[in-house]
Protein backbone atom coordinates (compact mmCIF):
# COMPACT_ATOMS: atom_id res chain seq x y z
CA MET A 1 92.80 -53.96 3.01
CA ILE A 2 92.17 -50.40 1.97
CA ASN A 3 90.25 -48.16 4.30
CA SER A 4 88.56 -45.15 2.89
CA PHE A 5 86.28 -42.54 4.34
CA THR A 6 84.09 -40.36 2.28
CA SER A 7 82.17 -37.43 3.64
CA CYS A 8 79.63 -35.74 1.54
CA GLU A 9 77.96 -32.74 3.07
CA ASP A 10 75.10 -31.52 0.94
CA LEU A 11 74.76 -27.78 1.52
CA THR A 12 72.05 -26.07 -0.45
CA ASP A 13 71.48 -22.45 -1.19
CA VAL A 14 69.28 -20.46 1.14
CA THR A 15 66.42 -18.54 -0.46
CA PHE A 16 64.25 -16.05 1.41
CA ASP A 17 62.17 -12.93 0.89
CA THR A 18 63.01 -9.53 2.30
CA GLU A 19 61.63 -6.04 1.99
CA VAL A 20 63.66 -2.84 1.99
CA THR A 21 61.99 0.54 2.40
CA GLU A 22 63.78 3.87 2.16
CA ARG A 23 62.52 7.42 2.02
CA ILE A 24 63.70 10.32 -0.10
CA ASP A 25 63.10 13.66 1.64
CA VAL A 26 61.98 16.40 -0.75
CA ASN A 27 62.02 19.95 0.66
CA ILE A 28 61.25 22.72 -1.80
CA PRO A 29 61.25 26.35 -0.67
CA ASN A 30 58.63 28.87 -1.77
CA THR A 31 59.34 29.48 -5.47
CA SER A 32 57.01 32.51 -5.69
CA GLY A 33 55.21 30.91 -8.62
CA GLU A 34 58.41 30.44 -10.65
CA SER A 35 59.79 27.09 -11.79
CA VAL A 36 62.71 25.97 -9.60
CA ASP A 37 64.79 22.79 -9.94
CA PHE A 38 65.05 20.25 -7.12
CA ASN A 39 67.09 17.07 -6.71
CA SER A 40 66.64 14.76 -3.73
CA GLN A 41 68.29 11.38 -3.29
CA ASN A 42 69.03 8.53 -0.93
CA THR A 43 70.65 5.09 -0.96
CA ILE A 44 68.77 1.83 -0.57
CA LYS A 45 70.96 -0.70 1.23
CA LEU A 46 70.21 -4.39 1.50
CA GLU A 47 71.47 -4.34 5.07
CA ASN A 48 68.35 -2.35 5.95
CA GLY A 49 66.12 -5.19 4.82
CA SER A 50 63.85 -7.26 6.99
CA GLY A 51 64.21 -10.89 8.00
CA GLN A 52 67.35 -12.94 7.44
CA ILE A 53 69.31 -10.48 5.31
CA ASP A 54 71.91 -9.68 7.99
CA ASP A 55 72.92 -13.35 8.27
CA TYR A 56 73.55 -13.68 4.53
CA LEU A 57 74.61 -10.21 3.38
CA ASN A 58 78.12 -11.37 2.46
CA TYR A 59 76.92 -14.53 0.71
CA ILE A 60 74.39 -13.23 -1.79
CA LYS A 61 74.33 -15.29 -4.94
CA ASP A 62 71.23 -13.88 -6.63
CA VAL A 63 68.68 -11.08 -6.18
CA GLU A 64 65.25 -11.07 -7.76
CA ILE A 65 63.04 -8.01 -7.55
CA LYS A 66 59.49 -9.15 -6.99
CA LYS A 67 58.19 -5.58 -6.80
CA LEU A 68 59.59 -2.04 -6.93
CA SER A 69 57.17 0.71 -5.99
CA TYR A 70 57.01 4.16 -4.47
CA LYS A 71 54.45 6.60 -3.13
CA ILE A 72 54.30 10.18 -1.93
CA ILE A 73 53.78 10.51 1.84
CA ASN A 74 54.00 13.08 4.66
CA PHE A 75 52.95 16.04 2.54
CA SER A 76 53.00 19.57 3.97
CA GLY A 77 52.92 23.01 2.39
CA ASP A 78 51.27 24.53 -0.64
CA GLU A 79 48.16 22.51 -1.50
CA ASN A 80 48.38 23.84 -5.06
CA GLY A 81 52.09 23.10 -5.51
CA VAL A 82 52.88 21.33 -8.78
CA ILE A 83 55.97 19.36 -9.79
CA THR A 84 57.33 17.77 -12.90
CA ALA A 85 59.59 15.02 -11.63
CA SER A 86 61.63 11.96 -12.53
CA PHE A 87 62.11 8.85 -10.41
CA LYS A 88 65.56 7.32 -11.02
CA VAL A 89 67.55 4.36 -9.75
CA ASN A 90 71.32 4.52 -10.24
CA GLY A 91 70.77 7.41 -12.63
CA THR A 92 68.37 5.53 -14.91
CA LEU A 93 64.99 7.17 -15.48
CA LEU A 94 62.18 4.81 -14.50
CA LYS A 95 59.09 7.03 -14.25
CA GLU A 96 58.15 10.63 -15.02
CA HIS A 97 55.39 12.81 -13.60
CA VAL A 98 54.24 15.91 -15.47
CA ALA A 99 52.35 18.76 -13.75
CA MET A 100 51.57 16.60 -10.73
CA ASN A 101 49.76 18.16 -7.77
CA VAL A 102 51.73 16.68 -4.86
CA LYS A 103 48.98 17.03 -2.23
CA THR A 104 46.42 15.27 -4.42
CA VAL A 105 48.75 12.33 -5.05
CA ALA A 106 49.80 12.11 -1.39
CA ASP A 107 46.18 12.22 -0.19
CA SER A 108 45.13 9.52 -2.66
CA GLY A 109 47.84 7.10 -1.48
CA GLU A 110 48.58 6.23 -5.11
CA ILE A 111 51.36 3.67 -5.49
CA PHE A 112 53.61 3.89 -8.54
CA GLU A 113 55.04 0.53 -9.60
CA ILE A 114 58.03 -0.05 -11.86
CA THR A 115 57.34 -3.05 -14.10
CA ASP A 116 60.02 -2.89 -16.83
CA VAL A 117 61.65 -6.33 -16.47
CA GLN A 118 64.93 -5.27 -18.08
CA GLU A 119 65.29 -2.32 -15.69
CA LEU A 120 64.35 -4.46 -12.69
CA ASN A 121 66.99 -7.02 -13.69
CA THR A 122 69.62 -4.27 -14.00
CA ILE A 123 68.74 -3.01 -10.51
CA ALA A 124 68.81 -6.58 -9.13
CA THR A 125 72.30 -7.08 -10.57
CA ALA A 126 73.48 -3.84 -8.97
CA LEU A 127 72.07 -4.96 -5.62
CA LYS A 128 73.77 -8.34 -5.97
CA ASN A 129 77.12 -6.74 -6.81
CA SER A 130 77.21 -3.87 -4.31
CA ASN A 131 74.33 -4.47 -1.85
CA GLN A 132 72.94 -1.01 -2.60
CA VAL A 133 71.45 1.32 -5.21
CA ASP A 134 70.96 5.08 -5.33
CA VAL A 135 67.44 6.43 -5.76
CA SER A 136 66.55 9.99 -6.69
CA TYR A 137 63.51 12.16 -7.25
CA GLN A 138 64.29 15.27 -9.25
CA GLY A 139 62.68 17.82 -11.46
CA ASP A 140 61.15 21.26 -11.11
CA ALA A 141 58.47 22.71 -8.87
CA ILE A 142 56.14 25.68 -8.92
CA THR A 143 54.79 26.67 -5.52
CA ASN A 144 53.71 29.73 -3.55
CA ASP A 145 54.74 28.26 -0.20
CA ILE A 146 57.06 25.49 0.98
CA LEU A 147 56.49 22.06 -0.49
CA ASN A 148 57.70 19.18 1.68
CA PHE A 149 57.06 15.47 1.24
CA LYS A 150 58.75 12.10 1.20
CA VAL A 151 59.01 9.57 -1.58
CA GLU A 152 58.74 6.16 0.09
CA VAL A 153 60.47 3.53 -2.05
CA THR A 154 59.84 -0.16 -1.38
CA LEU A 155 61.72 -3.11 -2.83
CA GLU A 156 60.27 -6.59 -2.34
CA LEU A 157 63.08 -9.05 -2.99
CA ALA A 158 63.80 -12.75 -3.21
CA ILE A 159 67.40 -13.39 -2.12
CA THR A 160 69.43 -16.51 -2.80
CA ALA A 161 72.56 -16.89 -0.70
CA ASP A 162 75.32 -19.47 -0.66
CA PRO A 163 76.61 -19.60 2.92
CA ILE A 164 79.70 -21.63 1.97
């Protein structure tokens, strides 16, 4: 008589949604009406996400970006200040603004969405591989007073993790 024991534990991947929001502080001094360069940056880390992300941070199998957007918030300073700026993730240009009045855009609450699927997939791969990406807002400004604001970047993600 042969005795055998077979155990088959069926573990499936865990999939959940999370949102990560990070802010880029932009502080531009009075340029006295001359064009002056600025470069502000920050790092978006998955560990700062909402929901279950902490439990599965080391087991991420796939990242899908459902939405990548940003908006200008917390404006103060020269109401006539104008910037020409680039929004970048990991050094890749995703959106440009030319001669943008910062106060007008901040007051309107306009949300800028990145929709290029190839770029979103590249960012998702970077998040999967290193759990973070660098975001920057850079360009030049013309102002007759200080120009301070934040660029609030939001990533809505679907995460698949393999807890084995």
